[in-house]
């Protein structure tokens, strides 16, 4: 007599792998660490402007070539596709003063002081 799982193509030896996969789907988000920011990061608010410009703290600033912007979910956004007003951000500047990295903050991150979010091992 064949087992029900054999008929579905799921053999008994694959069940532990399936269990591990399902457990990982639920446990990995809970293990996600806070985003570490470099010690040179600054805090401000960001609004959109025509690319390659960006408005930080009400002042129009230049985005560096290859600038990266991470949204609240820590996914990279294309600078030209962002349409926001007054979003709290952490950002860094390159040697020429252009904005090279921007992290849009979650409400929880925005409530934390910047110095608690920085990691001295980053640049």
C-alpha atoms as a PDB file:
ATOM      1  CA  UNK A   1       0.000   0.000   0.000  1.00  0.00           C
ATOM      2  CA  UNK A   2       1.407   3.339  -0.999  1.00  0.00           C
ATOM      3  CA  UNK A   3       1.489   6.178   1.471  1.00  0.00           C
ATOM      4  CA  UNK A   4      -0.520   9.359   0.832  1.00  0.00           C
ATOM      5  CA  UNK A   5       2.668  11.494   0.716  1.00  0.00           C
ATOM      6  CA  UNK A   6       4.161   9.207  -1.934  1.00  0.00           C
ATOM      7  CA  UNK A   7       1.158   9.856  -4.136  1.00  0.00           C
ATOM      8  CA  UNK A   8       1.663  13.606  -3.781  1.00  0.00           C
ATOM      9  CA  UNK A   9       5.349  13.304  -4.639  1.00  0.00           C
ATOM     10  CA  UNK A  10       6.446  14.237  -1.108  1.00  0.00           C
ATOM     11  CA  UNK A  11       8.466  11.372   0.243  1.00  0.00           C
ATOM     12  CA  UNK A  12       9.011  10.833   3.952  1.00  0.00           C
ATOM     13  CA  UNK A  13      12.694  11.689   3.654  1.00  0.00           C
ATOM     14  CA  UNK A  14      11.827  15.174   2.373  1.00  0.00           C
ATOM     15  CA  UNK A  15       9.570  16.048   5.314  1.00  0.00           C
ATOM     16  CA  UNK A  16      12.435  17.276   7.585  1.00  0.00           C
ATOM     17  CA  UNK A  17      13.621  19.606   4.803  1.00  0.00           C
ATOM     18  CA  UNK A  18      10.124  20.950   4.359  1.00  0.00           C
ATOM     19  CA  UNK A  19       9.836  21.522   8.100  1.00  0.00           C
ATOM     20  CA  UNK A  20      13.173  23.408   8.186  1.00  0.00           C
ATOM     21  CA  UNK A  21      12.144  25.556   5.234  1.00  0.00           C
ATOM     22  CA  UNK A  22       8.814  26.489   6.823  1.00  0.00           C
ATOM     23  CA  UNK A  23      10.452  27.195  10.187  1.00  0.00           C
ATOM     24  CA  UNK A  24      13.012  29.457   8.516  1.00  0.00           C
ATOM     25  CA  UNK A  25      10.242  31.452   6.835  1.00  0.00           C
ATOM     26  CA  UNK A  26       8.770  32.324  10.219  1.00  0.00           C
ATOM     27  CA  UNK A  27      11.930  32.658  12.303  1.00  0.00           C
ATOM     28  CA  UNK A  28      14.312  34.591  10.047  1.00  0.00           C
ATOM     29  CA  UNK A  29      12.334  37.869  10.078  1.00  0.00           C
ATOM     30  CA  UNK A  30      12.341  37.733  13.871  1.00  0.00           C
ATOM     31  CA  UNK A  31      16.135  37.402  13.866  1.00  0.00           C
ATOM     32  CA  UNK A  32      16.689  40.382  11.558  1.00  0.00           C
ATOM     33  CA  UNK A  33      19.032  42.891  13.138  1.00  0.00           C
ATOM     34  CA  UNK A  34      18.669  46.636  13.170  1.00  0.00           C
ATOM     35  CA  UNK A  35      20.258  48.389  10.259  1.00  0.00           C
ATOM     36  CA  UNK A  36      23.738  49.565  11.209  1.00  0.00           C
ATOM     37  CA  UNK A  37      24.646  53.031   9.984  1.00  0.00           C
ATOM     38  CA  UNK A  38      28.198  54.343   9.553  1.00  0.00           C
ATOM     39  CA  UNK A  39      29.499  56.689  12.271  1.00  0.00           C
ATOM     40  CA  UNK A  40      29.670  59.569   9.753  1.00  0.00           C
ATOM     41  CA  UNK A  41      25.916  59.333   9.069  1.00  0.00           C
ATOM     42  CA  UNK A  42      23.818  62.446   9.594  1.00  0.00           C
ATOM     43  CA  UNK A  43      20.103  62.737  10.372  1.00  0.00           C
ATOM     44  CA  UNK A  44      17.666  64.871   8.423  1.00  0.00           C
ATOM     45  CA  UNK A  45      14.460  64.965   6.440  1.00  0.00           C
ATOM     46  CA  UNK A  46      14.324  64.260   2.737  1.00  0.00           C
ATOM     47  CA  UNK A  47      12.005  65.377  -0.019  1.00  0.00           C
ATOM     48  CA  UNK A  48      12.082  64.516  -3.691  1.00  0.00           C
ATOM     49  CA  UNK A  49      13.487  66.781  -6.385  1.00  0.00           C
ATOM     50  CA  UNK A  50      14.214  66.248 -10.078  1.00  0.00           C
ATOM     51  CA  UNK A  51      17.031  63.704 -10.419  1.00  0.00           C
ATOM     52  CA  UNK A  52      19.995  64.091  -9.661  1.00  0.00           C
ATOM     53  CA  UNK A  53      18.903  66.571  -6.995  1.00  0.00           C
ATOM     54  CA  UNK A  54      17.444  65.805  -3.583  1.00  0.00           C
ATOM     55  CA  UNK A  55      16.164  68.073  -0.828  1.00  0.00           C
ATOM     56  CA  UNK A  56      17.722  67.481   2.593  1.00  0.00           C
ATOM     57  CA  UNK A  57      16.616  69.723   5.480  1.00  0.00           C
ATOM     58  CA  UNK A  58      14.913  72.089   3.022  1.00  0.00           C
ATOM     59  CA  UNK A  59      18.139  72.601   1.025  1.00  0.00           C
ATOM     60  CA  UNK A  60      18.551  71.289  -2.507  1.00  0.00           C
ATOM     61  CA  UNK A  61      21.548  68.939  -2.637  1.00  0.00           C
ATOM     62  CA  UNK A  62      23.312  66.987  -5.364  1.00  0.00           C
ATOM     63  CA  UNK A  63      23.229  63.189  -5.391  1.00  0.00           C
ATOM     64  CA  UNK A  64      26.635  61.610  -5.988  1.00  0.00           C
ATOM     65  CA  UNK A  65      27.061  59.434  -9.080  1.00  0.00           C
ATOM     66  CA  UNK A  66      26.011  55.939  -8.033  1.00  0.00           C
ATOM     67  CA  UNK A  67      24.127  57.200  -4.969  1.00  0.00           C
ATOM     68  CA  UNK A  68      22.145  54.517  -3.178  1.00  0.00           C
ATOM     69  CA  UNK A  69      18.839  55.018  -1.400  1.00  0.00           C
ATOM     70  CA  UNK A  70      17.335  52.333   0.840  1.00  0.00           C
ATOM     71  CA  UNK A  71      13.652  52.446   1.727  1.00  0.00           C
ATOM     72  CA  UNK A  72      12.102  51.514   5.090  1.00  0.00           C
ATOM     73  CA  UNK A  73      12.216  47.825   4.131  1.00  0.00           C
ATOM     74  CA  UNK A  74      15.968  48.121   3.409  1.00  0.00           C
ATOM     75  CA  UNK A  75      15.410  47.661  -0.328  1.00  0.00           C
ATOM     76  CA  UNK A  76      17.299  49.844  -2.789  1.00  0.00           C
ATOM     77  CA  UNK A  77      15.151  52.455  -4.534  1.00  0.00           C
ATOM     78  CA  UNK A  78      16.107  54.160  -7.763  1.00  0.00           C
ATOM     79  CA  UNK A  79      16.642  57.850  -6.984  1.00  0.00           C
ATOM     80  CA  UNK A  80      14.599  58.958  -9.997  1.00  0.00           C
ATOM     81  CA  UNK A  81      11.587  56.895  -8.840  1.00  0.00           C
ATOM     82  CA  UNK A  82      11.262  58.366  -5.346  1.00  0.00           C
ATOM     83  CA  UNK A  83       8.386  60.741  -4.627  1.00  0.00           C
ATOM     84  CA  UNK A  84       8.431  61.682  -0.916  1.00  0.00           C
ATOM     85  CA  UNK A  85       8.029  64.777   1.275  1.00  0.00           C
ATOM     86  CA  UNK A  86       9.615  65.268   4.702  1.00  0.00           C
ATOM     87  CA  UNK A  87      10.710  61.659   5.241  1.00  0.00           C
ATOM     88  CA  UNK A  88      13.159  61.148   8.137  1.00  0.00           C
ATOM     89  CA  UNK A  89      16.480  59.793   6.838  1.00  0.00           C
ATOM     90  CA  UNK A  90      20.040  59.038   7.763  1.00  0.00           C
ATOM     91  CA  UNK A  91      22.491  59.986   5.045  1.00  0.00           C
ATOM     92  CA  UNK A  92      26.184  60.262   4.245  1.00  0.00           C
ATOM     93  CA  UNK A  93      28.147  62.634   2.046  1.00  0.00           C
ATOM     94  CA  UNK A  94      31.122  61.938  -0.178  1.00  0.00           C
ATOM     95  CA  UNK A  95      34.363  63.962  -0.162  1.00  0.00           C
ATOM     96  CA  UNK A  96      32.799  66.570  -2.490  1.00  0.00           C
ATOM     97  CA  UNK A  97      29.758  67.070  -0.241  1.00  0.00           C
ATOM     98  CA  UNK A  98      27.327  65.203  -2.510  1.00  0.00           C
ATOM     99  CA  UNK A  99      24.847  62.807  -0.924  1.00  0.00           C
ATOM    100  CA  UNK A 100      26.016  59.264  -1.603  1.00  0.00           C
ATOM    101  CA  UNK A 101      23.902  57.062   0.715  1.00  0.00           C
ATOM    102  CA  UNK A 102      20.411  57.600   2.116  1.00  0.00           C
ATOM    103  CA  UNK A 103      18.392  55.360   4.417  1.00  0.00           C
ATOM    104  CA  UNK A 104      14.675  56.168   4.769  1.00  0.00           C
ATOM    105  CA  UNK A 105      13.855  55.472   8.395  1.00  0.00           C
ATOM    106  CA  UNK A 106      11.008  53.513   9.893  1.00  0.00           C
ATOM    107  CA  UNK A 107       9.067  55.355  12.628  1.00  0.00           C
ATOM    108  CA  UNK A 108      10.884  53.258  15.247  1.00  0.00           C
ATOM    109  CA  UNK A 109      14.318  54.112  13.787  1.00  0.00           C
ATOM    110  CA  UNK A 110      13.398  57.801  13.583  1.00  0.00           C
ATOM    111  CA  UNK A 111      12.616  57.827  17.323  1.00  0.00           C
ATOM    112  CA  UNK A 112      16.069  56.463  18.231  1.00  0.00           C
ATOM    113  CA  UNK A 113      19.023  58.844  18.587  1.00  0.00           C
ATOM    114  CA  UNK A 114      21.437  58.561  15.666  1.00  0.00           C
ATOM    115  CA  UNK A 115      24.404  57.743  17.898  1.00  0.00           C
ATOM    116  CA  UNK A 116      22.626  54.567  19.082  1.00  0.00           C
ATOM    117  CA  UNK A 117      22.229  53.413  15.473  1.00  0.00           C
ATOM    118  CA  UNK A 118      25.788  53.840  14.264  1.00  0.00           C
ATOM    119  CA  UNK A 119      28.361  51.071  14.025  1.00  0.00           C
ATOM    120  CA  UNK A 120      32.006  52.058  14.347  1.00  0.00           C
ATOM    121  CA  UNK A 121      33.047  49.075  12.204  1.00  0.00           C
ATOM    122  CA  UNK A 122      31.391  50.632   9.120  1.00  0.00           C
ATOM    123  CA  UNK A 123      32.659  53.395   6.885  1.00  0.00           C
END
